[in-house]
Amino acid sequence: MAKSKLVQANEKIAKAVTEGFSKIENGVVAGYTKIEDRFVDAYLTKEGETVVEAKEKLRQEQAQRRQSK
């Protein structure tokens, strides 16, 4: 059975909105990650430690805090 023109138009609109939201979401997450990495690099890394290592250390410390509660 053929879909009506309104259903087809609604599907196109829904697809466009979903794709637009996805692009915005990806941009926001990427921007936040850049800011987070710079903050960790500037304030939370110790000598010779990479950003990835510092983030992992923070995750482990947070997990320990949650377990101790």
PDB file of N, CA and C in Angstrom:
ATOM      1  N   MET A   1       0.840  -1.172   0.000  1.00  0.00           N
ATOM      2  CA  MET A   1       0.000   0.000   0.000  1.00  0.00           C
ATOM      3  C   MET A   1       0.886   1.236   0.000  1.00  0.00           C
ATOM      4  N   ALA A   2       0.558   2.185  -0.827  1.00  0.00           N
ATOM      5  CA  ALA A   2       1.352   3.396  -0.962  1.00  0.00           C
ATOM      6  C   ALA A   2       1.103   4.320   0.230  1.00  0.00           C
ATOM      7  N   LYS A   3       2.174   4.963   0.668  1.00  0.00           N
ATOM      8  CA  LYS A   3       2.058   5.912   1.775  1.00  0.00           C
ATOM      9  C   LYS A   3       1.538   7.238   1.246  1.00  0.00           C
ATOM     10  N   SER A   4       0.794   7.914   2.074  1.00  0.00           N
ATOM     11  CA  SER A   4       0.284   9.218   1.648  1.00  0.00           C
ATOM     12  C   SER A   4       1.430  10.228   1.624  1.00  0.00           C
ATOM     13  N   LYS A   5       1.205  11.317   0.940  1.00  0.00           N
ATOM     14  CA  LYS A   5       2.222  12.358   0.826  1.00  0.00           C
ATOM     15  C   LYS A   5       2.529  12.981   2.185  1.00  0.00           C
ATOM     16  N   LEU A   6       1.537  13.084   3.052  1.00  0.00           N
ATOM     17  CA  LEU A   6       1.758  13.649   4.382  1.00  0.00           C
ATOM     18  C   LEU A   6       2.666  12.750   5.222  1.00  0.00           C
ATOM     19  N   VAL A   7       2.455  11.450   5.134  1.00  0.00           N
ATOM     20  CA  VAL A   7       3.302  10.512   5.881  1.00  0.00           C
ATOM     21  C   VAL A   7       4.732  10.592   5.370  1.00  0.00           C
ATOM     22  N   GLN A   8       4.902  10.649   4.068  1.00  0.00           N
ATOM     23  CA  GLN A   8       6.236  10.752   3.479  1.00  0.00           C
ATOM     24  C   GLN A   8       6.912  12.061   3.893  1.00  0.00           C
ATOM     25  N   ALA A   9       6.163  13.144   3.880  1.00  0.00           N
ATOM     26  CA  ALA A   9       6.718  14.439   4.277  1.00  0.00           C
ATOM     27  C   ALA A   9       7.111  14.426   5.748  1.00  0.00           C
ATOM     28  N   ASN A  10       6.271  13.847   6.594  1.00  0.00           N
ATOM     29  CA  ASN A  10       6.588  13.751   8.021  1.00  0.00           C
ATOM     30  C   ASN A  10       7.845  12.913   8.257  1.00  0.00           C
ATOM     31  N   GLU A  11       7.998  11.835   7.505  1.00  0.00           N
ATOM     32  CA  GLU A  11       9.189  11.005   7.649  1.00  0.00           C
ATOM     33  C   GLU A  11      10.452  11.765   7.238  1.00  0.00           C
ATOM     34  N   LYS A  12      10.356  12.559   6.164  1.00  0.00           N
ATOM     35  CA  LYS A  12      11.495  13.376   5.731  1.00  0.00           C
ATOM     36  C   LYS A  12      11.863  14.401   6.795  1.00  0.00           C
ATOM     37  N   ILE A  13      10.847  15.040   7.345  1.00  0.00           N
ATOM     38  CA  ILE A  13      11.083  16.053   8.385  1.00  0.00           C
ATOM     39  C   ILE A  13      11.705  15.403   9.614  1.00  0.00           C
ATOM     40  N   ALA A  14      11.169  14.260  10.024  1.00  0.00           N
ATOM     41  CA  ALA A  14      11.702  13.552  11.196  1.00  0.00           C
ATOM     42  C   ALA A  14      13.159  13.157  10.970  1.00  0.00           C
ATOM     43  N   LYS A  15      13.484  12.695   9.785  1.00  0.00           N
ATOM     44  CA  LYS A  15      14.860  12.308   9.468  1.00  0.00           C
ATOM     45  C   LYS A  15      15.791  13.525   9.521  1.00  0.00           C
ATOM     46  N   ALA A  16      15.352  14.629   8.949  1.00  0.00           N
ATOM     47  CA  ALA A  16      16.171  15.845   8.932  1.00  0.00           C
ATOM     48  C   ALA A  16      16.393  16.373  10.346  1.00  0.00           C
ATOM     49  N   VAL A  17      15.354  16.359  11.177  1.00  0.00           N
ATOM     50  CA  VAL A  17      15.476  16.839  12.555  1.00  0.00           C
ATOM     51  C   VAL A  17      16.424  15.945  13.342  1.00  0.00           C
ATOM     52  N   THR A  18      16.285  14.641  13.170  1.00  0.00           N
ATOM     53  CA  THR A  18      17.146  13.696  13.871  1.00  0.00           C
ATOM     54  C   THR A  18      18.604  13.865  13.461  1.00  0.00           C
ATOM     55  N   GLU A  19      18.853  14.022  12.181  1.00  0.00           N
ATOM     56  CA  GLU A  19      20.222  14.220  11.696  1.00  0.00           C
ATOM     57  C   GLU A  19      20.795  15.539  12.217  1.00  0.00           C
ATOM     58  N   GLY A  20      19.979  16.585  12.215  1.00  0.00           N
ATOM     59  CA  GLY A  20      20.434  17.878  12.723  1.00  0.00           C
ATOM     60  C   GLY A  20      20.780  17.808  14.196  1.00  0.00           C
ATOM     61  N   PHE A  21      19.931  17.158  14.965  1.00  0.00           N
ATOM     62  CA  PHE A  21      20.194  16.996  16.395  1.00  0.00           C
ATOM     63  C   PHE A  21      21.480  16.209  16.618  1.00  0.00           C
ATOM     64  N   SER A  22      21.669  15.164  15.841  1.00  0.00           N
ATOM     65  CA  SER A  22      22.862  14.335  15.977  1.00  0.00           C
ATOM     66  C   SER A  22      24.131  15.146  15.699  1.00  0.00           C
ATOM     67  N   LYS A  23      24.092  15.991  14.686  1.00  0.00           N
ATOM     68  CA  LYS A  23      25.249  16.832  14.359  1.00  0.00           C
ATOM     69  C   LYS A  23      25.541  17.816  15.488  1.00  0.00           C
ATOM     70  N   ILE A  24      24.505  18.429  16.017  1.00  0.00           N
ATOM     71  CA  ILE A  24      24.681  19.370  17.122  1.00  0.00           C
ATOM     72  C   ILE A  24      25.230  18.654  18.347  1.00  0.00           C
ATOM     73  N   GLU A  25      24.667  17.499  18.650  1.00  0.00           N
ATOM     74  CA  GLU A  25      25.113  16.717  19.802  1.00  0.00           C
ATOM     75  C   GLU A  25      26.596  16.347  19.670  1.00  0.00           C
ATOM     76  N   ASN A  26      26.990  15.884  18.498  1.00  0.00           N
ATOM     77  CA  ASN A  26      28.388  15.516  18.280  1.00  0.00           C
ATOM     78  C   ASN A  26      29.309  16.722  18.432  1.00  0.00           C
ATOM     79  N   GLY A  27      28.883  17.875  17.941  1.00  0.00           N
ATOM     80  CA  GLY A  27      29.682  19.087  18.067  1.00  0.00           C
ATOM     81  C   GLY A  27      29.846  19.525  19.511  1.00  0.00           C
ATOM     82  N   VAL A  28      28.770  19.451  20.272  1.00  0.00           N
ATOM     83  CA  VAL A  28      28.815  19.840  21.684  1.00  0.00           C
ATOM     84  C   VAL A  28      29.719  18.898  22.465  1.00  0.00           C
ATOM     85  N   VAL A  29      29.578  17.608  22.228  1.00  0.00           N
ATOM     86  CA  VAL A  29      30.401  16.625  22.937  1.00  0.00           C
ATOM     87  C   VAL A  29      31.870  16.807  22.583  1.00  0.00           C
ATOM     88  N   ALA A  30      32.168  17.042  21.324  1.00  0.00           N
ATOM     89  CA  ALA A  30      33.558  17.250  20.907  1.00  0.00           C
ATOM     90  C   ALA A  30      34.133  18.505  21.559  1.00  0.00           C
ATOM     91  N   GLY A  31      33.344  19.575  21.597  1.00  0.00           N
ATOM     92  CA  GLY A  31      33.805  20.811  22.232  1.00  0.00           C
ATOM     93  C   GLY A  31      34.054  20.617  23.715  1.00  0.00           C
ATOM     94  N   TYR A  32      33.145  19.926  24.388  1.00  0.00           N
ATOM     95  CA  TYR A  32      33.310  19.664  25.819  1.00  0.00           C
ATOM     96  C   TYR A  32      34.559  18.830  26.066  1.00  0.00           C
ATOM     97  N   THR A  33      34.785  17.822  25.233  1.00  0.00           N
ATOM     98  CA  THR A  33      35.950  16.961  25.406  1.00  0.00           C
ATOM     99  C   THR A  33      37.241  17.760  25.260  1.00  0.00           C
ATOM    100  N   LYS A  34      37.284  18.689  24.320  1.00  0.00           N
ATOM    101  CA  LYS A  34      38.473  19.532  24.153  1.00  0.00           C
ATOM    102  C   LYS A  34      38.719  20.365  25.409  1.00  0.00           C
ATOM    103  N   ILE A  35      37.658  20.968  25.930  1.00  0.00           N
ATOM    104  CA  ILE A  35      37.784  21.792  27.132  1.00  0.00           C
ATOM    105  C   ILE A  35      38.222  20.940  28.311  1.00  0.00           C
ATOM    106  N   GLU A  36      37.612  19.774  28.455  1.00  0.00           N
ATOM    107  CA  GLU A  36      37.959  18.866  29.550  1.00  0.00           C
ATOM    108  C   GLU A  36      39.422  18.443  29.472  1.00  0.00           C
ATOM    109  N   ASP A  37      39.888  18.099  28.273  1.00  0.00           N
ATOM    110  CA  ASP A  37      41.278  17.685  28.105  1.00  0.00           C
ATOM    111  C   ASP A  37      42.244  18.812  28.459  1.00  0.00           C
ATOM    112  N   ARG A  38      41.921  20.028  28.057  1.00  0.00           N
ATOM    113  CA  ARG A  38      42.793  21.158  28.386  1.00  0.00           C
ATOM    114  C   ARG A  38      42.826  21.426  29.882  1.00  0.00           C
ATOM    115  N   PHE A  39      41.674  21.317  30.537  1.00  0.00           N
ATOM    116  CA  PHE A  39      41.610  21.513  31.987  1.00  0.00           C
ATOM    117  C   PHE A  39      42.439  20.457  32.698  1.00  0.00           C
ATOM    118  N   VAL A  40      42.246  19.209  32.316  1.00  0.00           N
ATOM    119  CA  VAL A  40      43.002  18.119  32.945  1.00  0.00           C
ATOM    120  C   VAL A  40      44.498  18.324  32.717  1.00  0.00           C
ATOM    121  N   ASP A  41      44.864  18.700  31.509  1.00  0.00           N
ATOM    122  CA  ASP A  41      46.278  18.914  31.192  1.00  0.00           C
ATOM    123  C   ASP A  41      46.864  20.060  32.005  1.00  0.00           C
ATOM    124  N   ALA A  42      46.098  21.119  32.172  1.00  0.00           N
ATOM    125  CA  ALA A  42      46.621  22.301  32.860  1.00  0.00           C
ATOM    126  C   ALA A  42      46.658  22.137  34.374  1.00  0.00           C
ATOM    127  N   TYR A  43      45.673  21.452  34.949  1.00  0.00           N
ATOM    128  CA  TYR A  43      45.542  21.465  36.404  1.00  0.00           C
ATOM    129  C   TYR A  43      45.670  20.108  37.099  1.00  0.00           C
ATOM    130  N   LEU A  44      45.458  19.029  36.398  1.00  0.00           N
ATOM    131  CA  LEU A  44      45.363  17.753  37.092  1.00  0.00           C
ATOM    132  C   LEU A  44      46.449  16.737  36.731  1.00  0.00           C
ATOM    133  N   THR A  45      47.273  17.033  35.754  1.00  0.00           N
ATOM    134  CA  THR A  45      48.340  16.096  35.414  1.00  0.00           C
ATOM    135  C   THR A  45      49.562  16.363  36.277  1.00  0.00           C
ATOM    136  N   LYS A  46      50.243  15.290  36.581  1.00  0.00           N
ATOM    137  CA  LYS A  46      51.502  15.408  37.310  1.00  0.00           C
ATOM    138  C   LYS A  46      52.637  15.300  36.305  1.00  0.00           C
ATOM    139  N   GLU A  47      53.851  15.515  36.747  1.00  0.00           N
ATOM    140  CA  GLU A  47      54.996  15.512  35.853  1.00  0.00           C
ATOM    141  C   GLU A  47      55.110  14.195  35.090  1.00  0.00           C
ATOM    142  N   GLY A  48      55.200  14.290  33.778  1.00  0.00           N
ATOM    143  CA  GLY A  48      55.371  13.122  32.934  1.00  0.00           C
ATOM    144  C   GLY A  48      54.096  12.324  32.707  1.00  0.00           C
ATOM    145  N   GLU A  49      52.981  12.765  33.209  1.00  0.00           N
ATOM    146  CA  GLU A  49      51.716  12.045  33.082  1.00  0.00           C
ATOM    147  C   GLU A  49      50.930  12.591  31.896  1.00  0.00           C
ATOM    148  N   THR A  50      50.330  11.704  31.128  1.00  0.00           N
ATOM    149  CA  THR A  50      49.524  12.145  29.999  1.00  0.00           C
ATOM    150  C   THR A  50      48.109  12.468  30.470  1.00  0.00           C
ATOM    151  N   VAL A  51      47.344  13.117  29.601  1.00  0.00           N
ATOM    152  CA  VAL A  51      45.957  13.464  29.905  1.00  0.00           C
ATOM    153  C   VAL A  51      45.141  12.190  30.107  1.00  0.00           C
ATOM    154  N   VAL A  52      45.378  11.188  29.277  1.00  0.00           N
ATOM    155  CA  VAL A  52      44.647   9.927  29.378  1.00  0.00           C
ATOM    156  C   VAL A  52      44.927   9.253  30.721  1.00  0.00           C
ATOM    157  N   GLU A  53      46.178   9.251  31.122  1.00  0.00           N
ATOM    158  CA  GLU A  53      46.535   8.646  32.411  1.00  0.00           C
ATOM    159  C   GLU A  53      45.896   9.409  33.569  1.00  0.00           C
ATOM    160  N   ALA A  54      45.882  10.725  33.487  1.00  0.00           N
ATOM    161  CA  ALA A  54      45.283  11.540  34.546  1.00  0.00           C
ATOM    162  C   ALA A  54      43.779  11.293  34.631  1.00  0.00           C
ATOM    163  N   LYS A  55      43.106  11.188  33.483  1.00  0.00           N
ATOM    164  CA  LYS A  55      41.671  10.916  33.487  1.00  0.00           C
ATOM    165  C   LYS A  55      41.380   9.549  34.092  1.00  0.00           C
ATOM    166  N   GLU A  56      42.191   8.558  33.763  1.00  0.00           N
ATOM    167  CA  GLU A  56      41.999   7.216  34.322  1.00  0.00           C
ATOM    168  C   GLU A  56      42.205   7.232  35.831  1.00  0.00           C
ATOM    169  N   LYS A  57      43.208   7.973  36.287  1.00  0.00           N
ATOM    170  CA  LYS A  57      43.461   8.089  37.727  1.00  0.00           C
ATOM    171  C   LYS A  57      42.252   8.724  38.418  1.00  0.00           C
ATOM    172  N   LEU A  58      41.676   9.756  37.809  1.00  0.00           N
ATOM    173  CA  LEU A  58      40.495  10.409  38.377  1.00  0.00           C
ATOM    174  C   LEU A  58      39.300   9.458  38.435  1.00  0.00           C
ATOM    175  N   ARG A  59      39.103   8.660  37.376  1.00  0.00           N
ATOM    176  CA  ARG A  59      37.999   7.703  37.363  1.00  0.00           C
ATOM    177  C   ARG A  59      38.155   6.681  38.493  1.00  0.00           C
ATOM    178  N   GLN A  60      39.382   6.222  38.696  1.00  0.00           N
ATOM    179  CA  GLN A  60      39.634   5.250  39.761  1.00  0.00           C
ATOM    180  C   GLN A  60      39.384   5.869  41.137  1.00  0.00           C
ATOM    181  N   GLU A  61      39.815   7.101  41.330  1.00  0.00           N
ATOM    182  CA  GLU A  61      39.591   7.774  42.610  1.00  0.00           C
ATOM    183  C   GLU A  61      38.100   7.962  42.875  1.00  0.00           C
ATOM    184  N   GLN A  62      37.345   8.325  41.842  1.00  0.00           N
ATOM    185  CA  GLN A  62      35.904   8.499  42.001  1.00  0.00           C
ATOM    186  C   GLN A  62      35.224   7.168  42.328  1.00  0.00           C
ATOM    187  N   ALA A  63      35.671   6.090  41.688  1.00  0.00           N
ATOM    188  CA  ALA A  63      35.097   4.781  41.970  1.00  0.00           C
ATOM    189  C   ALA A  63      35.373   4.373  43.410  1.00  0.00           C
ATOM    190  N   GLN A  64      36.554   4.676  43.910  1.00  0.00           N
ATOM    191  CA  GLN A  64      36.886   4.349  45.298  1.00  0.00           C
ATOM    192  C   GLN A  64      36.016   5.156  46.264  1.00  0.00           C
ATOM    193  N   ARG A  65      35.779   6.399  45.951  1.00  0.00           N
ATOM    194  CA  ARG A  65      34.935   7.237  46.805  1.00  0.00           C
ATOM    195  C   ARG A  65      33.507   6.706  46.867  1.00  0.00           C
ATOM    196  N   ARG A  66      33.004   6.255  45.709  1.00  0.00           N
ATOM    197  CA  ARG A  66      31.640   5.715  45.657  1.00  0.00           C
ATOM    198  C   ARG A  66      31.527   4.435  46.478  1.00  0.00           C
ATOM    199  N   GLN A  67      32.561   3.614  46.443  1.00  0.00           N
ATOM    200  CA  GLN A  67      32.541   2.364  47.187  1.00  0.00           C
ATOM    201  C   GLN A  67      32.617   2.591  48.682  1.00  0.00           C
ATOM    202  N   SER A  68      33.302   3.639  49.084  1.00  0.00           N
ATOM    203  CA  SER A  68      33.481   3.896  50.509  1.00  0.00           C
ATOM    204  C   SER A  68      32.233   4.510  51.148  1.00  0.00           C
ATOM    205  N   LYS A  69      31.286   4.980  50.356  1.00  0.00           N
ATOM    206  CA  LYS A  69      30.065   5.595  50.897  1.00  0.00           C
ATOM    207  C   LYS A  69      29.089   4.571  51.392  1.00  0.00           C
TER     208      LYS A  69
END
